[in-house]
C-alpha atoms as a PDB file:
ATOM      1  CA  MET A   1    -108.305 -45.068-157.271  1.00  0.00           C
ATOM      2  CA  THR A   2    -111.185 -45.259-160.321  1.00  0.00           C
ATOM      3  CA  THR A   3    -110.561 -47.902-162.604  1.00  0.00           C
ATOM      4  CA  LEU A   4    -110.347 -47.279-166.808  1.00  0.00           C
ATOM      5  CA  LYS A   5    -113.969 -49.003-166.621  1.00  0.00           C
ATOM      6  CA  SER A   6    -115.315 -47.055-164.405  1.00  0.00           C
ATOM      7  CA  ARG A   7    -113.982 -43.664-165.799  1.00  0.00           C
ATOM      8  CA  LEU A   8    -115.931 -45.291-169.187  1.00  0.00           C
ATOM      9  CA  GLN A   9    -119.318 -45.727-167.541  1.00  0.00           C
ATOM     10  CA  ASP A  10    -119.058 -42.397-166.252  1.00  0.00           C
ATOM     11  CA  ASP A  11    -118.080 -40.663-169.433  1.00  0.00           C
ATOM     12  CA  LEU A  12    -121.067 -42.549-170.802  1.00  0.00           C
ATOM     13  CA  THR A  13    -123.618 -41.174-168.396  1.00  0.00           C
ATOM     14  CA  VAL A  14    -122.278 -37.814-169.023  1.00  0.00           C
ATOM     15  CA  ALA A  15    -122.363 -38.465-172.897  1.00  0.00           C
ATOM     16  CA  ILE A  16    -126.115 -39.519-172.473  1.00  0.00           C
ATOM     17  CA  LYS A  17    -127.277 -36.347-170.587  1.00  0.00           C
ATOM     18  CA  ALA A  18    -125.410 -34.278-172.730  1.00  0.00           C
ATOM     19  CA  ARG A  19    -127.483 -36.185-175.441  1.00  0.00           C
ATOM     20  CA  ASP A  20    -123.887 -36.804-177.146  1.00  0.00           C
ATOM     21  CA  GLU A  21    -125.130 -39.402-179.761  1.00  0.00           C
ATOM     22  CA  LEU A  22    -121.058 -39.784-181.361  1.00  0.00           C
ATOM     23  CA  ARG A  23    -119.673 -39.982-177.836  1.00  0.00           C
ATOM     24  CA  SER A  24    -122.655 -41.986-175.979  1.00  0.00           C
ATOM     25  CA  ALA A  25    -122.766 -45.277-179.277  1.00  0.00           C
ATOM     26  CA  THR A  26    -118.659 -45.377-178.729  1.00  0.00           C
ATOM     27  CA  LEU A  27    -118.521 -45.570-175.297  1.00  0.00           C
ATOM     28  CA  ARG A  28    -121.785 -48.202-175.226  1.00  0.00           C
ATOM     29  CA  LEU A  29    -120.004 -50.438-177.951  1.00  0.00           C
ATOM     30  CA  THR A  30    -116.660 -50.434-176.182  1.00  0.00           C
ATOM     31  CA  LEU A  31    -118.325 -51.328-172.575  1.00  0.00           C
ATOM     32  CA  THR A  32    -119.705 -54.184-174.571  1.00  0.00           C
ATOM     33  CA  ALA A  33    -117.015 -55.349-175.629  1.00  0.00           C
ATOM     34  CA  ILE A  34    -115.691 -55.413-171.923  1.00  0.00           C
ATOM     35  CA  HIS A  35    -118.358 -57.040-170.878  1.00  0.00           C
ATOM     36  CA  LYS A  36    -117.962 -59.987-173.663  1.00  0.00           C
ATOM     37  CA  GLU A  37    -114.323 -60.394-172.017  1.00  0.00           C
ATOM     38  CA  GLU A  38    -115.134 -60.166-168.828  1.00  0.00           C
ATOM     39  CA  VAL A  39    -118.182 -63.109-168.579  1.00  0.00           C
ATOM     40  CA  ALA A  40    -115.879 -64.885-171.602  1.00  0.00           C
ATOM     41  CA  GLY A  41    -114.781 -68.177-170.596  1.00  0.00           C
ATOM     42  CA  THR A  42    -115.227 -70.374-167.466  1.00  0.00           C
ATOM     43  CA  GLU A  43    -116.202 -68.137-165.005  1.00  0.00           C
ATOM     44  CA  ALA A  44    -116.715 -63.887-164.741  1.00  0.00           C
ATOM     45  CA  ARG A  45    -113.924 -62.229-163.789  1.00  0.00           C
ATOM     46  CA  GLU A  46    -112.923 -58.303-163.756  1.00  0.00           C
ATOM     47  CA  LEU A  47    -110.467 -57.319-166.310  1.00  0.00           C
ATOM     48  CA  SER A  48    -107.507 -55.410-164.987  1.00  0.00           C
ATOM     49  CA  ASP A  49    -106.805 -51.764-166.163  1.00  0.00           C
ATOM     50  CA  ALA A  50    -104.001 -52.976-168.803  1.00  0.00           C
ATOM     51  CA  GLU A  51    -106.498 -55.819-170.153  1.00  0.00           C
ATOM     52  CA  VAL A  52    -109.566 -52.801-170.794  1.00  0.00           C
ATOM     53  CA  GLU A  53    -106.714 -50.843-172.681  1.00  0.00           C
ATOM     54  CA  LYS A  54    -106.146 -53.535-174.949  1.00  0.00           C
ATOM     55  CA  ILE A  55    -109.706 -54.075-175.387  1.00  0.00           C
ATOM     56  CA  ILE A  56    -109.785 -49.887-176.336  1.00  0.00           C
ATOM     57  CA  GLY A  57    -107.040 -50.457-178.478  1.00  0.00           C
ATOM     58  CA  ARG A  58    -108.770 -53.345-180.396  1.00  0.00           C
ATOM     59  CA  GLU A  59    -111.909 -51.180-180.950  1.00  0.00           C
ATOM     60  CA  ALA A  60    -109.667 -48.321-181.684  1.00  0.00           C
ATOM     61  CA  LYS A  61    -108.305 -50.168-183.973  1.00  0.00           C
ATOM     62  CA  LYS A  62    -111.139 -51.344-185.480  1.00  0.00           C
ATOM     63  CA  ARG A  63    -111.984 -48.015-186.803  1.00  0.00           C
ATOM     64  CA  ARG A  64    -109.437 -47.074-188.091  1.00  0.00           C
ATOM     65  CA  GLU A  65    -109.370 -50.270-190.537  1.00  0.00           C
ATOM     66  CA  ALA A  66    -113.277 -49.033-190.865  1.00  0.00           C
ATOM     67  CA  ALA A  67    -112.210 -45.584-192.190  1.00  0.00           C
ATOM     68  CA  GLU A  68    -110.167 -46.591-194.435  1.00  0.00           C
ATOM     69  CA  ALA A  69    -112.378 -49.579-196.105  1.00  0.00           C
ATOM     70  CA  PHE A  70    -115.131 -46.767-196.505  1.00  0.00           C
ATOM     71  CA  ASP A  71    -112.886 -44.181-197.847  1.00  0.00           C
ATOM     72  CA  LYS A  72    -111.773 -46.488-200.408  1.00  0.00           C
ATOM     73  CA  GLY A  73    -115.468 -47.171-201.118  1.00  0.00           C
ATOM     74  CA  GLY A  74    -116.309 -43.908-201.703  1.00  0.00           C
ATOM     75  CA  ARG A  75    -118.098 -43.655-198.475  1.00  0.00           C
ATOM     76  CA  GLY A  76    -116.477 -40.537-196.668  1.00  0.00           C
ATOM     77  CA  GLU A  77    -119.334 -39.581-194.477  1.00  0.00           C
ATOM     78  CA  SER A  78    -118.981 -43.723-192.870  1.00  0.00           C
ATOM     79  CA  ALA A  79    -115.066 -42.968-193.033  1.00  0.00           C
ATOM     80  CA  GLU A  80    -115.591 -39.706-190.802  1.00  0.00           C
ATOM     81  CA  ARG A  81    -117.849 -41.160-188.545  1.00  0.00           C
ATOM     82  CA  GLU A  82    -115.186 -43.939-187.821  1.00  0.00           C
ATOM     83  CA  ARG A  83    -112.447 -41.478-187.399  1.00  0.00           C
ATOM     84  CA  ALA A  84    -114.272 -39.744-184.969  1.00  0.00           C
ATOM     85  CA  GLU A  85    -115.303 -42.585-183.188  1.00  0.00           C
ATOM     86  CA  GLY A  86    -111.170 -43.671-182.565  1.00  0.00           C
ATOM     87  CA  GLU A  87    -110.566 -40.108-181.609  1.00  0.00           C
ATOM     88  CA  ILE A  88    -112.763 -40.998-178.473  1.00  0.00           C
ATOM     89  CA  LEU A  89    -111.434 -43.712-177.844  1.00  0.00           C
ATOM     90  CA  ALA A  90    -107.743 -42.456-178.278  1.00  0.00           C
ATOM     91  CA  ASP A  91    -108.693 -40.529-174.908  1.00  0.00           C
ATOM     92  CA  TYR A  92    -108.404 -43.686-173.136  1.00  0.00           C
ATOM     93  CA  LEU A  93    -105.229 -45.155-174.268  1.00  0.00           C
ATOM     94  CA  PRO A  94    -101.533 -44.335-173.605  1.00  0.00           C
ATOM     95  CA  LYS A  95    -100.056 -41.289-175.721  1.00  0.00           C
ATOM     96  CA  PRO A  96     -98.270 -43.100-179.017  1.00  0.00           C
ATOM     97  CA  LEU A  97     -94.663 -42.910-178.932  1.00  0.00           C
ATOM     98  CA  THR A  98     -93.036 -40.388-181.645  1.00  0.00           C
ATOM     99  CA  ASP A  99     -90.230 -41.822-183.856  1.00  0.00           C
ATOM    100  CA  ASP A 100     -87.866 -40.521-181.592  1.00  0.00           C
ATOM    101  CA  GLU A 101     -88.929 -42.175-178.497  1.00  0.00           C
ATOM    102  CA  LEU A 102     -89.498 -45.267-180.736  1.00  0.00           C
ATOM    103  CA  GLU A 103     -86.205 -45.104-181.923  1.00  0.00           C
ATOM    104  CA  GLU A 104     -84.365 -44.662-178.580  1.00  0.00           C
ATOM    105  CA  LEU A 105     -86.565 -47.893-177.227  1.00  0.00           C
ATOM    106  CA  VAL A 106     -85.608 -50.146-180.085  1.00  0.00           C
ATOM    107  CA  ALA A 107     -82.442 -49.126-180.028  1.00  0.00           C
ATOM    108  CA  ALA A 108     -81.654 -50.152-176.438  1.00  0.00           C
ATOM    109  CA  ALA A 109     -83.389 -53.311-177.392  1.00  0.00           C
ATOM    110  CA  VAL A 110     -80.753 -53.791-180.615  1.00  0.00           C
ATOM    111  CA  ALA A 111     -77.818 -52.899-177.945  1.00  0.00           C
ATOM    112  CA  GLU A 112     -79.121 -55.880-175.513  1.00  0.00           C
ATOM    113  CA  ALA A 113     -80.267 -58.275-177.993  1.00  0.00           C
ATOM    114  CA  THR A 114     -76.961 -58.107-179.603  1.00  0.00           C
ATOM    115  CA  GLY A 115     -74.992 -57.839-176.794  1.00  0.00           C
ATOM    116  CA  ALA A 116     -76.544 -61.291-175.532  1.00  0.00           C
ATOM    117  CA  GLY A 117     -75.160 -62.249-178.924  1.00  0.00           C
ATOM    118  CA  ALA A 118     -78.346 -62.449-181.104  1.00  0.00           C
ATOM    119  CA  GLU A 119     -77.343 -61.743-184.817  1.00  0.00           C
ATOM    120  CA  GLY A 120     -78.944 -62.272-188.367  1.00  0.00           C
ATOM    121  CA  PRO A 121     -82.646 -62.851-188.971  1.00  0.00           C
ATOM    122  CA  LYS A 122     -82.263 -64.208-185.141  1.00  0.00           C
ATOM    123  CA  ALA A 123     -81.623 -61.340-183.944  1.00  0.00           C
ATOM    124  CA  MET A 124     -85.146 -59.062-185.377  1.00  0.00           C
ATOM    125  CA  GLY A 125     -87.009 -62.292-183.002  1.00  0.00           C
ATOM    126  CA  ALA A 126     -84.942 -61.369-179.927  1.00  0.00           C
ATOM    127  CA  VAL A 127     -85.401 -57.351-180.093  1.00  0.00           C
ATOM    128  CA  MET A 128     -89.432 -58.062-180.707  1.00  0.00           C
ATOM    129  CA  LYS A 129     -89.215 -59.783-177.266  1.00  0.00           C
ATOM    130  CA  ILE A 130     -87.289 -57.454-175.500  1.00  0.00           C
ATOM    131  CA  VAL A 131     -88.771 -54.012-177.145  1.00  0.00           C
ATOM    132  CA  ASN A 132     -92.806 -55.093-177.518  1.00  0.00           C
ATOM    133  CA  PRO A 133     -93.126 -54.981-174.011  1.00  0.00           C
ATOM    134  CA  LYS A 134     -92.166 -51.391-173.490  1.00  0.00           C
ATOM    135  CA  VAL A 135     -94.063 -50.278-176.533  1.00  0.00           C
ATOM    136  CA  ALA A 136     -97.232 -52.195-175.711  1.00  0.00           C
ATOM    137  CA  GLY A 137    -100.263 -50.196-176.399  1.00  0.00           C
ATOM    138  CA  ARG A 138     -98.121 -47.034-177.542  1.00  0.00           C
ATOM    139  CA  ALA A 139     -97.185 -48.036-181.313  1.00  0.00           C
ATOM    140  CA  ASP A 140     -98.227 -49.936-183.995  1.00  0.00           C
ATOM    141  CA  GLY A 141     -96.319 -53.275-184.501  1.00  0.00           C
ATOM    142  CA  GLY A 142     -95.536 -53.004-188.007  1.00  0.00           C
ATOM    143  CA  ARG A 143     -94.192 -49.510-187.192  1.00  0.00           C
ATOM    144  CA  VAL A 144     -91.974 -50.745-184.297  1.00  0.00           C
ATOM    145  CA  ALA A 145     -90.814 -53.737-187.060  1.00  0.00           C
ATOM    146  CA  ALA A 146     -90.160 -51.261-189.650  1.00  0.00           C
ATOM    147  CA  MET A 147     -87.650 -49.837-186.904  1.00  0.00           C
ATOM    148  CA  VAL A 148     -86.460 -52.566-186.006  1.00  0.00           C
ATOM    149  CA  LYS A 149     -85.271 -53.988-189.103  1.00  0.00           C
ATOM    150  CA  LYS A 150     -84.133 -50.432-189.950  1.00  0.00           C
ATOM    151  CA  LEU A 151     -81.646 -50.222-186.863  1.00  0.00           C
ATOM    152  CA  LEU A 152     -80.303 -53.811-187.163  1.00  0.00           C
ATOM    153  CA  ALA A 153     -79.479 -53.083-191.129  1.00  0.00           C
ATOM    154  CA  GLY A 154     -77.782 -49.821-190.069  1.00  0.00           C
END
């Protein structure tokens, strides 16, 4: 079984051979972030695919935020590059949830939390605790929280 990290390394080799500067630079930065995480702490360790996925997600989020900042600053070319890097990273992440899929997961979590006696403001935390592991990496936290609020108010 190929790990996510080795897939990134293989794709980097292909990108370098193809002289794909954008892809090779993006993958190189991501692998560096993974390596930093592996050697952080008291002893070096191999990261799990889930941990590598989290790092890729963090890197992709940085690209989105940078693209927005460049857009606001009137630097469209830089924003485009950040977006392109984000799209490359998206290939390595699980497919994002659609609004319907998210609503279904949140509705089930709301039912579970209220069934367990959670109500009022406490219900929000209880629902988030149930739903977060299910949507991990597949929906932005703000989007999840907004859906939880909508369904709790409903």
